[in-house]
Amino acid sequence: METKKHFTKGWEVSITEFQSKEGKKFKVTRRLPSMSVAETKVFKTKEEAKRQFEEWLG
């Protein structure tokens, strides 16, 4: 699991690998702890997940 924080917007962005019945998947989550808000997306490939991770940090 990798977690980074966007310094100007306050988002905490994390990427997690997990196993499902369909195989390995990657979950990318961004949280705004001060407002108890979160958004999660699930991807089949690490490359897609990493792209989303970097986009949310950008």
N, C-alpha and C. Protein backbone atom coordinates (compact mmCIF):
# COMPACT_ATOMS: atom_id res chain seq x y z
N MET A 1 0.84 -1.18 0.00
CA MET A 1 0.00 0.00 0.00
C MET A 1 0.89 1.24 0.00
N GLU A 2 0.52 2.18 -0.83
CA GLU A 2 1.26 3.44 -0.92
C GLU A 2 0.29 4.58 -0.65
N THR A 3 0.69 5.53 0.17
CA THR A 3 -0.16 6.68 0.49
C THR A 3 0.66 7.96 0.38
N LYS A 4 0.07 8.96 -0.27
CA LYS A 4 0.70 10.28 -0.37
C LYS A 4 -0.37 11.32 -0.14
N LYS A 5 0.08 12.53 0.21
CA LYS A 5 -0.86 13.62 0.48
C LYS A 5 -0.61 14.77 -0.49
N HIS A 6 -1.68 15.27 -1.09
CA HIS A 6 -1.62 16.45 -1.96
C HIS A 6 -1.56 17.66 -1.04
N PHE A 7 -0.47 18.40 -1.05
CA PHE A 7 -0.24 19.43 -0.05
C PHE A 7 -1.18 20.63 -0.17
N THR A 8 -1.53 21.06 -1.37
CA THR A 8 -2.36 22.25 -1.49
C THR A 8 -3.84 21.95 -1.36
N LYS A 9 -4.28 20.77 -1.79
CA LYS A 9 -5.71 20.44 -1.74
C LYS A 9 -6.09 19.65 -0.49
N GLY A 10 -5.12 19.01 0.17
CA GLY A 10 -5.39 18.27 1.40
C GLY A 10 -5.84 16.84 1.19
N TRP A 11 -5.93 16.37 -0.07
CA TRP A 11 -6.35 14.99 -0.32
C TRP A 11 -5.27 14.02 0.13
N GLU A 12 -5.66 12.90 0.72
CA GLU A 12 -4.78 11.76 0.98
C GLU A 12 -5.12 10.73 -0.08
N VAL A 13 -4.14 10.31 -0.87
CA VAL A 13 -4.37 9.37 -1.96
C VAL A 13 -3.60 8.10 -1.66
N SER A 14 -4.29 6.94 -1.77
CA SER A 14 -3.64 5.65 -1.51
C SER A 14 -3.96 4.66 -2.61
N ILE A 15 -3.04 3.71 -2.81
CA ILE A 15 -3.24 2.63 -3.76
C ILE A 15 -2.99 1.32 -3.02
N THR A 16 -3.92 0.37 -3.18
CA THR A 16 -3.87 -0.90 -2.46
C THR A 16 -4.12 -2.05 -3.43
N GLU A 17 -3.35 -3.11 -3.29
CA GLU A 17 -3.53 -4.32 -4.10
C GLU A 17 -4.33 -5.33 -3.28
N PHE A 18 -5.32 -5.99 -3.93
CA PHE A 18 -6.08 -7.02 -3.23
C PHE A 18 -6.47 -8.13 -4.20
N GLN A 19 -6.86 -9.26 -3.65
CA GLN A 19 -7.23 -10.44 -4.44
C GLN A 19 -8.75 -10.62 -4.37
N SER A 20 -9.38 -10.76 -5.54
CA SER A 20 -10.81 -11.04 -5.60
C SER A 20 -11.01 -12.38 -6.30
N LYS A 21 -12.26 -12.81 -6.44
CA LYS A 21 -12.53 -14.07 -7.15
C LYS A 21 -12.06 -13.99 -8.59
N GLU A 22 -12.10 -12.80 -9.18
CA GLU A 22 -11.70 -12.62 -10.57
C GLU A 22 -10.19 -12.48 -10.74
N GLY A 23 -9.45 -12.33 -9.66
CA GLY A 23 -8.00 -12.18 -9.72
C GLY A 23 -7.53 -10.95 -8.98
N LYS A 24 -6.29 -10.55 -9.26
CA LYS A 24 -5.67 -9.42 -8.59
C LYS A 24 -6.30 -8.12 -9.08
N LYS A 25 -6.57 -7.20 -8.14
CA LYS A 25 -7.14 -5.89 -8.46
C LYS A 25 -6.41 -4.82 -7.66
N PHE A 26 -6.59 -3.58 -8.08
CA PHE A 26 -5.93 -2.46 -7.44
C PHE A 26 -6.97 -1.39 -7.12
N LYS A 27 -6.96 -0.92 -5.88
CA LYS A 27 -7.94 0.06 -5.42
C LYS A 27 -7.21 1.37 -5.15
N VAL A 28 -7.72 2.45 -5.75
CA VAL A 28 -7.16 3.78 -5.55
C VAL A 28 -8.22 4.61 -4.83
N THR A 29 -7.83 5.19 -3.70
CA THR A 29 -8.77 5.95 -2.88
C THR A 29 -8.18 7.32 -2.58
N ARG A 30 -9.03 8.34 -2.68
CA ARG A 30 -8.62 9.66 -2.20
C ARG A 30 -9.60 10.09 -1.12
N ARG A 31 -9.03 10.62 -0.03
CA ARG A 31 -9.82 11.03 1.14
C ARG A 31 -9.53 12.48 1.47
N LEU A 32 -10.54 13.16 1.93
CA LEU A 32 -10.39 14.50 2.47
C LEU A 32 -10.79 14.39 3.95
N PRO A 33 -9.82 14.07 4.82
CA PRO A 33 -10.12 13.76 6.22
C PRO A 33 -10.87 14.87 6.95
N SER A 34 -10.61 16.11 6.61
CA SER A 34 -11.25 17.21 7.32
C SER A 34 -12.76 17.26 7.08
N MET A 35 -13.23 16.63 5.99
CA MET A 35 -14.66 16.65 5.67
C MET A 35 -15.28 15.26 5.64
N SER A 36 -14.54 14.23 5.98
CA SER A 36 -15.01 12.84 5.95
C SER A 36 -15.58 12.47 4.58
N VAL A 37 -14.83 12.82 3.54
CA VAL A 37 -15.22 12.53 2.16
C VAL A 37 -14.18 11.61 1.55
N ALA A 38 -14.65 10.61 0.76
CA ALA A 38 -13.73 9.70 0.08
C ALA A 38 -14.31 9.28 -1.25
N GLU A 39 -13.40 8.96 -2.18
CA GLU A 39 -13.77 8.43 -3.49
C GLU A 39 -12.82 7.27 -3.79
N THR A 40 -13.37 6.15 -4.28
CA THR A 40 -12.57 4.97 -4.57
C THR A 40 -12.86 4.47 -5.96
N LYS A 41 -11.80 4.05 -6.65
CA LYS A 41 -11.93 3.43 -7.97
C LYS A 41 -11.12 2.13 -7.95
N VAL A 42 -11.63 1.10 -8.66
CA VAL A 42 -10.97 -0.20 -8.72
C VAL A 42 -10.53 -0.46 -10.15
N PHE A 43 -9.29 -0.98 -10.31
CA PHE A 43 -8.71 -1.23 -11.62
C PHE A 43 -8.19 -2.66 -11.72
N LYS A 44 -8.14 -3.18 -12.94
CA LYS A 44 -7.63 -4.53 -13.18
C LYS A 44 -6.12 -4.56 -13.29
N THR A 45 -5.51 -3.45 -13.76
CA THR A 45 -4.06 -3.43 -13.93
C THR A 45 -3.41 -2.38 -13.03
N LYS A 46 -2.18 -2.65 -12.67
CA LYS A 46 -1.43 -1.73 -11.83
C LYS A 46 -1.14 -0.43 -12.58
N GLU A 47 -0.94 -0.50 -13.88
CA GLU A 47 -0.65 0.67 -14.69
C GLU A 47 -1.83 1.66 -14.67
N GLU A 48 -3.05 1.15 -14.81
CA GLU A 48 -4.25 2.00 -14.77
C GLU A 48 -4.39 2.64 -13.39
N ALA A 49 -4.17 1.85 -12.36
CA ALA A 49 -4.29 2.35 -10.98
C ALA A 49 -3.23 3.42 -10.72
N LYS A 50 -2.02 3.19 -11.15
CA LYS A 50 -0.93 4.15 -10.95
C LYS A 50 -1.22 5.46 -11.68
N ARG A 51 -1.81 5.36 -12.89
CA ARG A 51 -2.17 6.54 -13.66
C ARG A 51 -3.20 7.39 -12.89
N GLN A 52 -4.22 6.73 -12.31
CA GLN A 52 -5.24 7.43 -11.52
C GLN A 52 -4.61 8.05 -10.27
N PHE A 53 -3.75 7.30 -9.62
CA PHE A 53 -3.05 7.76 -8.42
C PHE A 53 -2.31 9.06 -8.72
N GLU A 54 -1.54 9.08 -9.80
CA GLU A 54 -0.76 10.25 -10.18
C GLU A 54 -1.65 11.41 -10.60
N GLU A 55 -2.77 11.11 -11.27
CA GLU A 55 -3.71 12.15 -11.69
C GLU A 55 -4.30 12.87 -10.48
N TRP A 56 -4.69 12.10 -9.47
CA TRP A 56 -5.27 12.69 -8.27
C TRP A 56 -4.25 13.49 -7.47
N LEU A 57 -2.98 13.12 -7.56
CA LEU A 57 -1.94 13.88 -6.87
C LEU A 57 -1.55 15.13 -7.65
N GLY A 58 -1.80 15.13 -8.97
CA GLY A 58 -1.40 16.24 -9.84
C GLY A 58 -2.17 17.43 -9.62
